[in-house]
């Protein structure tokens, strides 16, 4: 049984990655494979709070920022997802 909260197709990962690369201001853009791994974790940590309306958006975002180790990069992932398909 697959426990992923969101199942993106390869082209959908690519669409979000393209948006991320256009929006980001960081110089060290992750590889596509690393981006996909991070995006899966993003959904795992934030989906219920933002999409499932489970509340706790602040806590979910703090976990995501902690995972990424940078608030700036974490928020740029969030912006890329939100630009691709409204997340909030």
PDB file of N, CA and C in Angstrom:
ATOM      1  N   UNK A   1       0.841  -1.187   0.000  1.00  0.00           N
ATOM      2  CA  UNK A   1       0.000   0.000   0.000  1.00  0.00           C
ATOM      3  C   UNK A   1       0.883   1.246   0.000  1.00  0.00           C
ATOM      4  N   UNK A   2       0.587   2.175  -0.867  1.00  0.00           N
ATOM      5  CA  UNK A   2       1.339   3.418  -0.982  1.00  0.00           C
ATOM      6  C   UNK A   2       0.726   4.460  -0.057  1.00  0.00           C
ATOM      7  N   UNK A   3       1.554   5.045   0.789  1.00  0.00           N
ATOM      8  CA  UNK A   3       1.035   5.996   1.768  1.00  0.00           C
ATOM      9  C   UNK A   3       1.280   7.452   1.381  1.00  0.00           C
ATOM     10  N   UNK A   4       1.731   7.708   0.166  1.00  0.00           N
ATOM     11  CA  UNK A   4       1.965   9.087  -0.255  1.00  0.00           C
ATOM     12  C   UNK A   4       0.649   9.845  -0.303  1.00  0.00           C
ATOM     13  N   UNK A   5       0.682  11.063   0.178  1.00  0.00           N
ATOM     14  CA  UNK A   5      -0.514  11.903   0.206  1.00  0.00           C
ATOM     15  C   UNK A   5      -0.847  12.447  -1.182  1.00  0.00           C
ATOM     16  N   UNK A   6       0.162  12.670  -1.984  1.00  0.00           N
ATOM     17  CA  UNK A   6      -0.023  13.212  -3.326  1.00  0.00           C
ATOM     18  C   UNK A   6       0.802  12.366  -4.281  1.00  0.00           C
ATOM     19  N   UNK A   7       0.188  11.947  -5.357  1.00  0.00           N
ATOM     20  CA  UNK A   7       0.869  11.162  -6.387  1.00  0.00           C
ATOM     21  C   UNK A   7       0.991  12.011  -7.649  1.00  0.00           C
ATOM     22  N   UNK A   8       2.154  12.581  -7.860  1.00  0.00           N
ATOM     23  CA  UNK A   8       2.372  13.366  -9.068  1.00  0.00           C
ATOM     24  C   UNK A   8       2.927  12.483 -10.170  1.00  0.00           C
ATOM     25  N   UNK A   9       2.538  12.796 -11.370  1.00  0.00           N
ATOM     26  CA  UNK A   9       3.115  12.142 -12.539  1.00  0.00           C
ATOM     27  C   UNK A   9       4.436  12.856 -12.860  1.00  0.00           C
ATOM     28  N   UNK A  10       5.270  12.191 -13.614  1.00  0.00           N
ATOM     29  CA  UNK A  10       6.581  12.748 -13.927  1.00  0.00           C
ATOM     30  C   UNK A  10       6.476  14.135 -14.558  1.00  0.00           C
ATOM     31  N   UNK A  11       5.548  14.314 -15.471  1.00  0.00           N
ATOM     32  CA  UNK A  11       5.413  15.624 -16.119  1.00  0.00           C
ATOM     33  C   UNK A  11       4.943  16.692 -15.133  1.00  0.00           C
ATOM     34  N   UNK A  12       4.188  16.294 -14.110  1.00  0.00           N
ATOM     35  CA  UNK A  12       3.739  17.266 -13.102  1.00  0.00           C
ATOM     36  C   UNK A  12       4.913  17.703 -12.228  1.00  0.00           C
ATOM     37  N   UNK A  13       5.762  16.749 -11.838  1.00  0.00           N
ATOM     38  CA  UNK A  13       6.984  17.135 -11.119  1.00  0.00           C
ATOM     39  C   UNK A  13       7.777  18.133 -11.972  1.00  0.00           C
ATOM     40  N   UNK A  14       7.876  17.852 -13.257  1.00  0.00           N
ATOM     41  CA  UNK A  14       8.648  18.716 -14.153  1.00  0.00           C
ATOM     42  C   UNK A  14       8.028  20.106 -14.246  1.00  0.00           C
ATOM     43  N   UNK A  15       6.709  20.183 -14.288  1.00  0.00           N
ATOM     44  CA  UNK A  15       6.042  21.486 -14.332  1.00  0.00           C
ATOM     45  C   UNK A  15       6.353  22.301 -13.081  1.00  0.00           C
ATOM     46  N   UNK A  16       6.259  21.674 -11.914  1.00  0.00           N
ATOM     47  CA  UNK A  16       6.541  22.385 -10.660  1.00  0.00           C
ATOM     48  C   UNK A  16       8.014  22.785 -10.616  1.00  0.00           C
ATOM     49  N   UNK A  17       8.889  21.895 -11.062  1.00  0.00           N
ATOM     50  CA  UNK A  17      10.324  22.186 -11.071  1.00  0.00           C
ATOM     51  C   UNK A  17      10.626  23.381 -11.982  1.00  0.00           C
ATOM     52  N   UNK A  18       9.988  23.445 -13.121  1.00  0.00           N
ATOM     53  CA  UNK A  18      10.184  24.565 -14.039  1.00  0.00           C
ATOM     54  C   UNK A  18       9.735  25.872 -13.383  1.00  0.00           C
ATOM     55  N   UNK A  19       8.601  25.849 -12.715  1.00  0.00           N
ATOM     56  CA  UNK A  19       8.120  27.042 -12.004  1.00  0.00           C
ATOM     57  C   UNK A  19       9.103  27.420 -10.908  1.00  0.00           C
ATOM     58  N   UNK A  20       9.556  26.431 -10.148  1.00  0.00           N
ATOM     59  CA  UNK A  20      10.511  26.682  -9.071  1.00  0.00           C
ATOM     60  C   UNK A  20      11.757  27.379  -9.624  1.00  0.00           C
ATOM     61  N   UNK A  21      12.300  26.861 -10.723  1.00  0.00           N
ATOM     62  CA  UNK A  21      13.513  27.450 -11.306  1.00  0.00           C
ATOM     63  C   UNK A  21      13.272  28.877 -11.777  1.00  0.00           C
ATOM     64  N   UNK A  22      12.067  29.184 -12.256  1.00  0.00           N
ATOM     65  CA  UNK A  22      11.756  30.545 -12.698  1.00  0.00           C
ATOM     66  C   UNK A  22      11.596  31.506 -11.529  1.00  0.00           C
ATOM     67  N   UNK A  23      11.028  31.018 -10.426  1.00  0.00           N
ATOM     68  CA  UNK A  23      10.731  31.888  -9.288  1.00  0.00           C
ATOM     69  C   UNK A  23      11.873  32.014  -8.290  1.00  0.00           C
ATOM     70  N   UNK A  24      12.717  31.017  -8.220  1.00  0.00           N
ATOM     71  CA  UNK A  24      13.697  30.974  -7.148  1.00  0.00           C
ATOM     72  C   UNK A  24      14.771  32.050  -7.279  1.00  0.00           C
ATOM     73  N   UNK A  25      15.245  32.460  -6.142  1.00  0.00           N
ATOM     74  CA  UNK A  25      16.358  33.404  -6.107  1.00  0.00           C
ATOM     75  C   UNK A  25      17.611  32.737  -5.550  1.00  0.00           C
ATOM     76  N   UNK A  26      17.505  31.454  -5.182  1.00  0.00           N
ATOM     77  CA  UNK A  26      18.675  30.743  -4.666  1.00  0.00           C
ATOM     78  C   UNK A  26      19.582  30.354  -5.817  1.00  0.00           C
ATOM     79  N   UNK A  27      20.859  30.316  -5.540  1.00  0.00           N
ATOM     80  CA  UNK A  27      21.830  30.002  -6.576  1.00  0.00           C
ATOM     81  C   UNK A  27      22.035  28.497  -6.734  1.00  0.00           C
ATOM     82  N   UNK A  28      21.887  27.756  -5.668  1.00  0.00           N
ATOM     83  CA  UNK A  28      22.105  26.311  -5.708  1.00  0.00           C
ATOM     84  C   UNK A  28      20.776  25.585  -5.904  1.00  0.00           C
ATOM     85  N   UNK A  29      20.315  25.555  -7.132  1.00  0.00           N
ATOM     86  CA  UNK A  29      19.059  24.884  -7.452  1.00  0.00           C
ATOM     87  C   UNK A  29      19.299  23.376  -7.367  1.00  0.00           C
ATOM     88  N   UNK A  30      18.413  22.665  -6.654  1.00  0.00           N
ATOM     89  CA  UNK A  30      18.615  21.216  -6.535  1.00  0.00           C
ATOM     90  C   UNK A  30      18.440  20.515  -7.880  1.00  0.00           C
ATOM     91  N   UNK A  31      19.004  19.327  -7.963  1.00  0.00           N
ATOM     92  CA  UNK A  31      18.776  18.521  -9.159  1.00  0.00           C
ATOM     93  C   UNK A  31      17.292  18.166  -9.207  1.00  0.00           C
ATOM     94  N   UNK A  32      16.839  17.769 -10.366  1.00  0.00           N
ATOM     95  CA  UNK A  32      15.443  17.383 -10.527  1.00  0.00           C
ATOM     96  C   UNK A  32      15.082  16.239  -9.581  1.00  0.00           C
ATOM     97  N   UNK A  33      15.949  15.242  -9.463  1.00  0.00           N
ATOM     98  CA  UNK A  33      15.669  14.093  -8.586  1.00  0.00           C
ATOM     99  C   UNK A  33      15.568  14.525  -7.120  1.00  0.00           C
ATOM    100  N   UNK A  34      16.465  15.390  -6.678  1.00  0.00           N
ATOM    101  CA  UNK A  34      16.419  15.882  -5.295  1.00  0.00           C
ATOM    102  C   UNK A  34      15.174  16.737  -5.087  1.00  0.00           C
ATOM    103  N   UNK A  35      14.829  17.531  -6.075  1.00  0.00           N
ATOM    104  CA  UNK A  35      13.629  18.357  -6.000  1.00  0.00           C
ATOM    105  C   UNK A  35      12.397  17.467  -5.804  1.00  0.00           C
ATOM    106  N   UNK A  36      12.308  16.380  -6.568  1.00  0.00           N
ATOM    107  CA  UNK A  36      11.182  15.455  -6.451  1.00  0.00           C
ATOM    108  C   UNK A  36      11.100  14.869  -5.043  1.00  0.00           C
ATOM    109  N   UNK A  37      12.237  14.453  -4.504  1.00  0.00           N
ATOM    110  CA  UNK A  37      12.263  13.908  -3.139  1.00  0.00           C
ATOM    111  C   UNK A  37      11.774  14.955  -2.139  1.00  0.00           C
ATOM    112  N   UNK A  38      12.287  16.167  -2.266  1.00  0.00           N
ATOM    113  CA  UNK A  38      11.877  17.247  -1.366  1.00  0.00           C
ATOM    114  C   UNK A  38      10.395  17.557  -1.519  1.00  0.00           C
ATOM    115  N   UNK A  39       9.908  17.550  -2.743  1.00  0.00           N
ATOM    116  CA  UNK A  39       8.500  17.849  -2.981  1.00  0.00           C
ATOM    117  C   UNK A  39       7.600  16.791  -2.346  1.00  0.00           C
ATOM    118  N   UNK A  40       8.000  15.535  -2.426  1.00  0.00           N
ATOM    119  CA  UNK A  40       7.239  14.477  -1.762  1.00  0.00           C
ATOM    120  C   UNK A  40       7.170  14.724  -0.256  1.00  0.00           C
ATOM    121  N   UNK A  41       8.283  15.141   0.321  1.00  0.00           N
ATOM    122  CA  UNK A  41       8.313  15.440   1.758  1.00  0.00           C
ATOM    123  C   UNK A  41       7.457  16.662   2.061  1.00  0.00           C
ATOM    124  N   UNK A  42       7.503  17.657   1.194  1.00  0.00           N
ATOM    125  CA  UNK A  42       6.661  18.842   1.361  1.00  0.00           C
ATOM    126  C   UNK A  42       5.196  18.441   1.487  1.00  0.00           C
ATOM    127  N   UNK A  43       4.729  17.612   0.555  1.00  0.00           N
ATOM    128  CA  UNK A  43       3.338  17.184   0.592  1.00  0.00           C
ATOM    129  C   UNK A  43       3.043  16.360   1.848  1.00  0.00           C
ATOM    130  N   UNK A  44       3.971  15.505   2.216  1.00  0.00           N
ATOM    131  CA  UNK A  44       3.770  14.672   3.408  1.00  0.00           C
ATOM    132  C   UNK A  44       3.595  15.535   4.663  1.00  0.00           C
ATOM    133  N   UNK A  45       4.385  16.592   4.769  1.00  0.00           N
ATOM    134  CA  UNK A  45       4.357  17.430   5.972  1.00  0.00           C
ATOM    135  C   UNK A  45       3.241  18.471   5.980  1.00  0.00           C
ATOM    136  N   UNK A  46       2.760  18.873   4.801  1.00  0.00           N
ATOM    137  CA  UNK A  46       1.841  20.013   4.768  1.00  0.00           C
ATOM    138  C   UNK A  46       0.451  19.721   4.216  1.00  0.00           C
ATOM    139  N   UNK A  47       0.271  18.626   3.519  1.00  0.00           N
ATOM    140  CA  UNK A  47      -0.982  18.375   2.799  1.00  0.00           C
ATOM    141  C   UNK A  47      -2.208  18.416   3.710  1.00  0.00           C
ATOM    142  N   UNK A  48      -2.190  17.686   4.790  1.00  0.00           N
ATOM    143  CA  UNK A  48      -3.360  17.638   5.663  1.00  0.00           C
ATOM    144  C   UNK A  48      -3.726  19.017   6.214  1.00  0.00           C
ATOM    145  N   UNK A  49      -2.722  19.796   6.556  1.00  0.00           N
ATOM    146  CA  UNK A  49      -2.972  21.115   7.137  1.00  0.00           C
ATOM    147  C   UNK A  49      -3.522  22.102   6.106  1.00  0.00           C
ATOM    148  N   UNK A  50      -2.989  22.060   4.885  1.00  0.00           N
ATOM    149  CA  UNK A  50      -3.380  23.049   3.883  1.00  0.00           C
ATOM    150  C   UNK A  50      -4.526  22.605   2.986  1.00  0.00           C
ATOM    151  N   UNK A  51      -4.496  21.373   2.536  1.00  0.00           N
ATOM    152  CA  UNK A  51      -5.493  20.899   1.589  1.00  0.00           C
ATOM    153  C   UNK A  51      -6.601  20.132   2.293  1.00  0.00           C
ATOM    154  N   UNK A  52      -6.234  19.361   3.281  1.00  0.00           N
ATOM    155  CA  UNK A  52      -7.216  18.579   4.019  1.00  0.00           C
ATOM    156  C   UNK A  52      -7.945  19.387   5.075  1.00  0.00           C
ATOM    157  N   UNK A  53      -7.564  20.647   5.195  1.00  0.00           N
ATOM    158  CA  UNK A  53      -8.171  21.561   6.177  1.00  0.00           C
ATOM    159  C   UNK A  53      -8.130  20.993   7.578  1.00  0.00           C
ATOM    160  N   UNK A  54      -7.044  20.310   7.880  1.00  0.00           N
ATOM    161  CA  UNK A  54      -6.867  19.741   9.206  1.00  0.00           C
ATOM    162  C   UNK A  54      -6.359  20.761  10.202  1.00  0.00           C
ATOM    163  N   UNK A  55      -6.120  21.979   9.723  1.00  0.00           N
ATOM    164  CA  UNK A  55      -5.596  23.010  10.606  1.00  0.00           C
ATOM    165  C   UNK A  55      -4.113  22.800  10.849  1.00  0.00           C
ATOM    166  N   UNK A  56      -3.569  23.629  11.699  1.00  0.00           N
ATOM    167  CA  UNK A  56      -2.168  23.493  12.043  1.00  0.00           C
ATOM    168  C   UNK A  56      -1.213  23.890  10.934  1.00  0.00           C
ATOM    169  N   UNK A  57      -1.617  24.874  10.127  1.00  0.00           N
ATOM    170  CA  UNK A  57      -0.763  25.272   9.020  1.00  0.00           C
ATOM    171  C   UNK A  57       0.582  25.822   9.501  1.00  0.00           C
ATOM    172  N   UNK A  58       0.569  26.530  10.608  1.00  0.00           N
ATOM    173  CA  UNK A  58       1.820  27.077  11.144  1.00  0.00           C
ATOM    174  C   UNK A  58       2.765  25.950  11.537  1.00  0.00           C
ATOM    175  N   UNK A  59       2.234  24.956  12.232  1.00  0.00           N
ATOM    176  CA  UNK A  59       3.058  23.825  12.657  1.00  0.00           C
ATOM    177  C   UNK A  59       3.583  23.048  11.453  1.00  0.00           C
ATOM    178  N   UNK A  60       2.724  22.843  10.464  1.00  0.00           N
ATOM    179  CA  UNK A  60       3.138  22.122   9.261  1.00  0.00           C
ATOM    180  C   UNK A  60       4.255  22.871   8.544  1.00  0.00           C
ATOM    181  N   UNK A  61       4.108  24.178   8.427  1.00  0.00           N
ATOM    182  CA  UNK A  61       5.130  24.971   7.745  1.00  0.00           C
ATOM    183  C   UNK A  61       6.437  24.975   8.532  1.00  0.00           C
ATOM    184  N   UNK A  62       6.350  25.026   9.835  1.00  0.00           N
ATOM    185  CA  UNK A  62       7.564  24.988  10.654  1.00  0.00           C
ATOM    186  C   UNK A  62       8.303  23.660  10.470  1.00  0.00           C
ATOM    187  N   UNK A  63       7.573  22.559  10.383  1.00  0.00           N
ATOM    188  CA  UNK A  63       8.198  21.252  10.140  1.00  0.00           C
ATOM    189  C   UNK A  63       8.879  21.237   8.772  1.00  0.00           C
ATOM    190  N   UNK A  64       8.217  21.825   7.776  1.00  0.00           N
ATOM    191  CA  UNK A  64       8.778  21.879   6.438  1.00  0.00           C
ATOM    192  C   UNK A  64      10.050  22.726   6.419  1.00  0.00           C
ATOM    193  N   UNK A  65      10.006  23.881   7.050  1.00  0.00           N
ATOM    194  CA  UNK A  65      11.182  24.759   7.112  1.00  0.00           C
ATOM    195  C   UNK A  65      12.329  24.051   7.825  1.00  0.00           C
ATOM    196  N   UNK A  66      12.011  23.377   8.913  1.00  0.00           N
ATOM    197  CA  UNK A  66      13.034  22.638   9.654  1.00  0.00           C
ATOM    198  C   UNK A  66      13.646  21.543   8.770  1.00  0.00           C
ATOM    199  N   UNK A  67      12.810  20.833   8.039  1.00  0.00           N
ATOM    200  CA  UNK A  67      13.313  19.791   7.149  1.00  0.00           C
ATOM    201  C   UNK A  67      14.259  20.378   6.100  1.00  0.00           C
ATOM    202  N   UNK A  68      13.868  21.491   5.514  1.00  0.00           N
ATOM    203  CA  UNK A  68      14.681  22.099   4.459  1.00  0.00           C
ATOM    204  C   UNK A  68      15.920  22.802   5.016  1.00  0.00           C
ATOM    205  N   UNK A  69      15.862  23.248   6.252  1.00  0.00           N
ATOM    206  CA  UNK A  69      17.002  23.927   6.845  1.00  0.00           C
ATOM    207  C   UNK A  69      17.139  25.379   6.441  1.00  0.00           C
ATOM    208  N   UNK A  70      16.152  25.875   5.705  1.00  0.00           N
ATOM    209  CA  UNK A  70      16.172  27.262   5.246  1.00  0.00           C
ATOM    210  C   UNK A  70      14.739  27.726   5.010  1.00  0.00           C
ATOM    211  N   UNK A  71      14.358  28.779   5.687  1.00  0.00           N
ATOM    212  CA  UNK A  71      13.016  29.317   5.490  1.00  0.00           C
ATOM    213  C   UNK A  71      12.843  29.822   4.059  1.00  0.00           C
ATOM    214  N   UNK A  72      13.863  30.463   3.536  1.00  0.00           N
ATOM    215  CA  UNK A  72      13.792  31.028   2.188  1.00  0.00           C
ATOM    216  C   UNK A  72      13.531  29.931   1.147  1.00  0.00           C
ATOM    217  N   UNK A  73      14.312  28.872   1.182  1.00  0.00           N
ATOM    218  CA  UNK A  73      14.143  27.789   0.214  1.00  0.00           C
ATOM    219  C   UNK A  73      12.803  27.092   0.420  1.00  0.00           C
ATOM    220  N   UNK A  74      12.439  26.853   1.666  1.00  0.00           N
ATOM    221  CA  UNK A  74      11.162  26.196   1.964  1.00  0.00           C
ATOM    222  C   UNK A  74       9.995  26.999   1.389  1.00  0.00           C
ATOM    223  N   UNK A  75      10.031  28.299   1.543  1.00  0.00           N
ATOM    224  CA  UNK A  75       8.949  29.139   1.027  1.00  0.00           C
ATOM    225  C   UNK A  75       8.951  29.191  -0.505  1.00  0.00           C
ATOM    226  N   UNK A  76      10.111  29.032  -1.110  1.00  0.00           N
ATOM    227  CA  UNK A  76      10.160  29.025  -2.572  1.00  0.00           C
ATOM    228  C   UNK A  76       9.545  27.736  -3.135  1.00  0.00           C
ATOM    229  N   UNK A  77       9.716  26.633  -2.447  1.00  0.00           N
ATOM    230  CA  UNK A  77       9.011  25.404  -2.844  1.00  0.00           C
ATOM    231  C   UNK A  77       7.506  25.638  -2.732  1.00  0.00           C
ATOM    232  N   UNK A  78       7.096  26.212  -1.613  1.00  0.00           N
ATOM    233  CA  UNK A  78       5.675  26.475  -1.393  1.00  0.00           C
ATOM    234  C   UNK A  78       5.116  27.358  -2.512  1.00  0.00           C
ATOM    235  N   UNK A  79       5.826  28.419  -2.849  1.00  0.00           N
ATOM    236  CA  UNK A  79       5.373  29.321  -3.918  1.00  0.00           C
ATOM    237  C   UNK A  79       5.264  28.601  -5.257  1.00  0.00           C
ATOM    238  N   UNK A  80       6.226  27.740  -5.551  1.00  0.00           N
ATOM    239  CA  UNK A  80       6.194  26.999  -6.816  1.00  0.00           C
ATOM    240  C   UNK A  80       4.960  26.095  -6.884  1.00  0.00           C
ATOM    241  N   UNK A  81       4.685  25.391  -5.801  1.00  0.00           N
ATOM    242  CA  UNK A  81       3.498  24.521  -5.765  1.00  0.00           C
ATOM    243  C   UNK A  81       2.246  25.350  -5.878  1.00  0.00           C
ATOM    244  N   UNK A  82       2.179  26.445  -5.149  1.00  0.00           N
ATOM    245  CA  UNK A  82       0.984  27.288  -5.146  1.00  0.00           C
ATOM    246  C   UNK A  82       0.748  27.934  -6.520  1.00  0.00           C
ATOM    247  N   UNK A  83       1.812  28.255  -7.226  1.00  0.00           N
ATOM    248  CA  UNK A  83       1.688  28.804  -8.583  1.00  0.00           C
ATOM    249  C   UNK A  83       1.275  27.739  -9.579  1.00  0.00           C
ATOM    250  N   UNK A  84       1.678  26.513  -9.349  1.00  0.00           N
ATOM    251  CA  UNK A  84       1.343  25.415 -10.247  1.00  0.00           C
ATOM    252  C   UNK A  84      -0.133  25.040 -10.104  1.00  0.00           C
ATOM    253  N   UNK A  85      -0.579  24.904  -8.853  1.00  0.00           N
ATOM    254  CA  UNK A  85      -1.963  24.528  -8.567  1.00  0.00           C
ATOM    255  C   UNK A  85      -2.269  25.030  -7.163  1.00  0.00           C
ATOM    256  N   UNK A  86      -3.154  25.990  -7.054  1.00  0.00           N
ATOM    257  CA  UNK A  86      -3.417  26.653  -5.771  1.00  0.00           C
ATOM    258  C   UNK A  86      -3.424  25.667  -4.610  1.00  0.00           C
ATOM    259  N   UNK A  87      -2.541  25.907  -3.671  1.00  0.00           N
ATOM    260  CA  UNK A  87      -2.365  25.014  -2.523  1.00  0.00           C
ATOM    261  C   UNK A  87      -3.044  25.571  -1.277  1.00  0.00           C
ATOM    262  N   UNK A  88      -3.310  26.854  -1.308  1.00  0.00           N
ATOM    263  CA  UNK A  88      -3.904  27.478  -0.120  1.00  0.00           C
ATOM    264  C   UNK A  88      -5.340  27.895  -0.388  1.00  0.00           C
TER     265      UNK A  88
END
